[in-house]
């Protein structure tokens, strides 16, 4: 199954920045012994980074949202 692009522009950049920020929060949480917060943050961060890398978001697809500019 091919993933049709539906994430682009500023949305993609925001997801990448948010993903990196959540991974940083996860690292900090693991170092301070807050494993539950760390797991949640790393899962959220990985999801956002996946969206930014593949330019596909399942929630956007379900809602019919497309922020990817087509030329």
C-alpha atoms as a PDB file:
ATOM      1  CA  UNK A   1       0.000   0.000   0.000  1.00  0.00           C
ATOM      2  CA  UNK A   2       1.447   3.330  -1.056  1.00  0.00           C
ATOM      3  CA  UNK A   3       1.052   6.224   1.329  1.00  0.00           C
ATOM      4  CA  UNK A   4      -0.355   9.262  -0.464  1.00  0.00           C
ATOM      5  CA  UNK A   5       1.278  12.503   0.675  1.00  0.00           C
ATOM      6  CA  UNK A   6      -0.987  14.719   2.765  1.00  0.00           C
ATOM      7  CA  UNK A   7       1.532  16.591   4.980  1.00  0.00           C
ATOM      8  CA  UNK A   8       3.646  19.413   3.606  1.00  0.00           C
ATOM      9  CA  UNK A   9       4.987  22.900   4.092  1.00  0.00           C
ATOM     10  CA  UNK A  10       4.873  24.406   7.554  1.00  0.00           C
ATOM     11  CA  UNK A  11       2.876  21.435   8.849  1.00  0.00           C
ATOM     12  CA  UNK A  12       5.780  19.112   8.027  1.00  0.00           C
ATOM     13  CA  UNK A  13       8.325  21.421   9.670  1.00  0.00           C
ATOM     14  CA  UNK A  14       6.160  21.779  12.789  1.00  0.00           C
ATOM     15  CA  UNK A  15       5.828  17.995  13.079  1.00  0.00           C
ATOM     16  CA  UNK A  16       9.601  17.539  12.746  1.00  0.00           C
ATOM     17  CA  UNK A  17      10.350  20.183  15.397  1.00  0.00           C
ATOM     18  CA  UNK A  18       7.663  18.797  17.710  1.00  0.00           C
ATOM     19  CA  UNK A  19       8.957  15.264  17.232  1.00  0.00           C
ATOM     20  CA  UNK A  20      12.513  16.245  18.107  1.00  0.00           C
ATOM     21  CA  UNK A  21      11.260  18.167  21.148  1.00  0.00           C
ATOM     22  CA  UNK A  22       9.251  15.180  22.398  1.00  0.00           C
ATOM     23  CA  UNK A  23      12.220  12.844  21.959  1.00  0.00           C
ATOM     24  CA  UNK A  24      14.314  15.305  24.016  1.00  0.00           C
ATOM     25  CA  UNK A  25      11.607  15.326  26.703  1.00  0.00           C
ATOM     26  CA  UNK A  26      11.653  11.519  26.664  1.00  0.00           C
ATOM     27  CA  UNK A  27      15.420  11.400  27.194  1.00  0.00           C
ATOM     28  CA  UNK A  28      15.112  13.799  30.122  1.00  0.00           C
ATOM     29  CA  UNK A  29      12.244  11.794  31.589  1.00  0.00           C
ATOM     30  CA  UNK A  30      14.200   8.543  31.409  1.00  0.00           C
ATOM     31  CA  UNK A  31      17.190  10.145  33.159  1.00  0.00           C
ATOM     32  CA  UNK A  32      14.989  11.402  36.007  1.00  0.00           C
ATOM     33  CA  UNK A  33      13.218   8.076  36.504  1.00  0.00           C
ATOM     34  CA  UNK A  34       9.862   9.060  34.999  1.00  0.00           C
ATOM     35  CA  UNK A  35       9.617   6.089  32.674  1.00  0.00           C
ATOM     36  CA  UNK A  36       5.888   6.421  31.955  1.00  0.00           C
ATOM     37  CA  UNK A  37       6.268   9.978  30.719  1.00  0.00           C
ATOM     38  CA  UNK A  38       9.357   8.952  28.768  1.00  0.00           C
ATOM     39  CA  UNK A  39       7.547   6.157  26.951  1.00  0.00           C
ATOM     40  CA  UNK A  40       4.594   8.391  26.073  1.00  0.00           C
ATOM     41  CA  UNK A  41       6.876  11.194  24.863  1.00  0.00           C
ATOM     42  CA  UNK A  42       9.065   8.914  22.743  1.00  0.00           C
ATOM     43  CA  UNK A  43       6.010   7.292  21.119  1.00  0.00           C
ATOM     44  CA  UNK A  44       4.501  10.686  20.314  1.00  0.00           C
ATOM     45  CA  UNK A  45       7.819  12.015  19.044  1.00  0.00           C
ATOM     46  CA  UNK A  46       8.393   8.956  16.863  1.00  0.00           C
ATOM     47  CA  UNK A  47       4.914   9.341  15.384  1.00  0.00           C
ATOM     48  CA  UNK A  48       5.489  12.987  14.524  1.00  0.00           C
ATOM     49  CA  UNK A  49       8.906  12.239  13.024  1.00  0.00           C
ATOM     50  CA  UNK A  50       7.350   9.443  10.956  1.00  0.00           C
ATOM     51  CA  UNK A  51       4.725  11.900   9.676  1.00  0.00           C
ATOM     52  CA  UNK A  52       7.395  14.437   8.755  1.00  0.00           C
ATOM     53  CA  UNK A  53       9.639  11.875   7.040  1.00  0.00           C
ATOM     54  CA  UNK A  54       6.926  10.128   5.001  1.00  0.00           C
ATOM     55  CA  UNK A  55       4.697  13.192   4.483  1.00  0.00           C
ATOM     56  CA  UNK A  56       1.722  11.025   5.452  1.00  0.00           C
ATOM     57  CA  UNK A  57      -0.620  11.290   8.432  1.00  0.00           C
ATOM     58  CA  UNK A  58      -3.363   8.729   9.008  1.00  0.00           C
ATOM     59  CA  UNK A  59      -5.522  11.165  10.980  1.00  0.00           C
ATOM     60  CA  UNK A  60      -5.283  13.716   8.159  1.00  0.00           C
ATOM     61  CA  UNK A  61      -6.286  10.997   5.693  1.00  0.00           C
ATOM     62  CA  UNK A  62      -9.331  10.043   7.785  1.00  0.00           C
ATOM     63  CA  UNK A  63     -10.419  13.677   8.102  1.00  0.00           C
ATOM     64  CA  UNK A  64      -9.692  14.557   4.477  1.00  0.00           C
ATOM     65  CA  UNK A  65      -7.058  17.149   5.369  1.00  0.00           C
ATOM     66  CA  UNK A  66      -4.256  17.762   2.875  1.00  0.00           C
ATOM     67  CA  UNK A  67      -1.570  20.365   3.599  1.00  0.00           C
ATOM     68  CA  UNK A  68       0.741  19.177   0.821  1.00  0.00           C
ATOM     69  CA  UNK A  69       0.911  21.614  -2.078  1.00  0.00           C
ATOM     70  CA  UNK A  70       0.552  19.991  -5.482  1.00  0.00           C
ATOM     71  CA  UNK A  71       2.221  21.470  -8.536  1.00  0.00           C
END
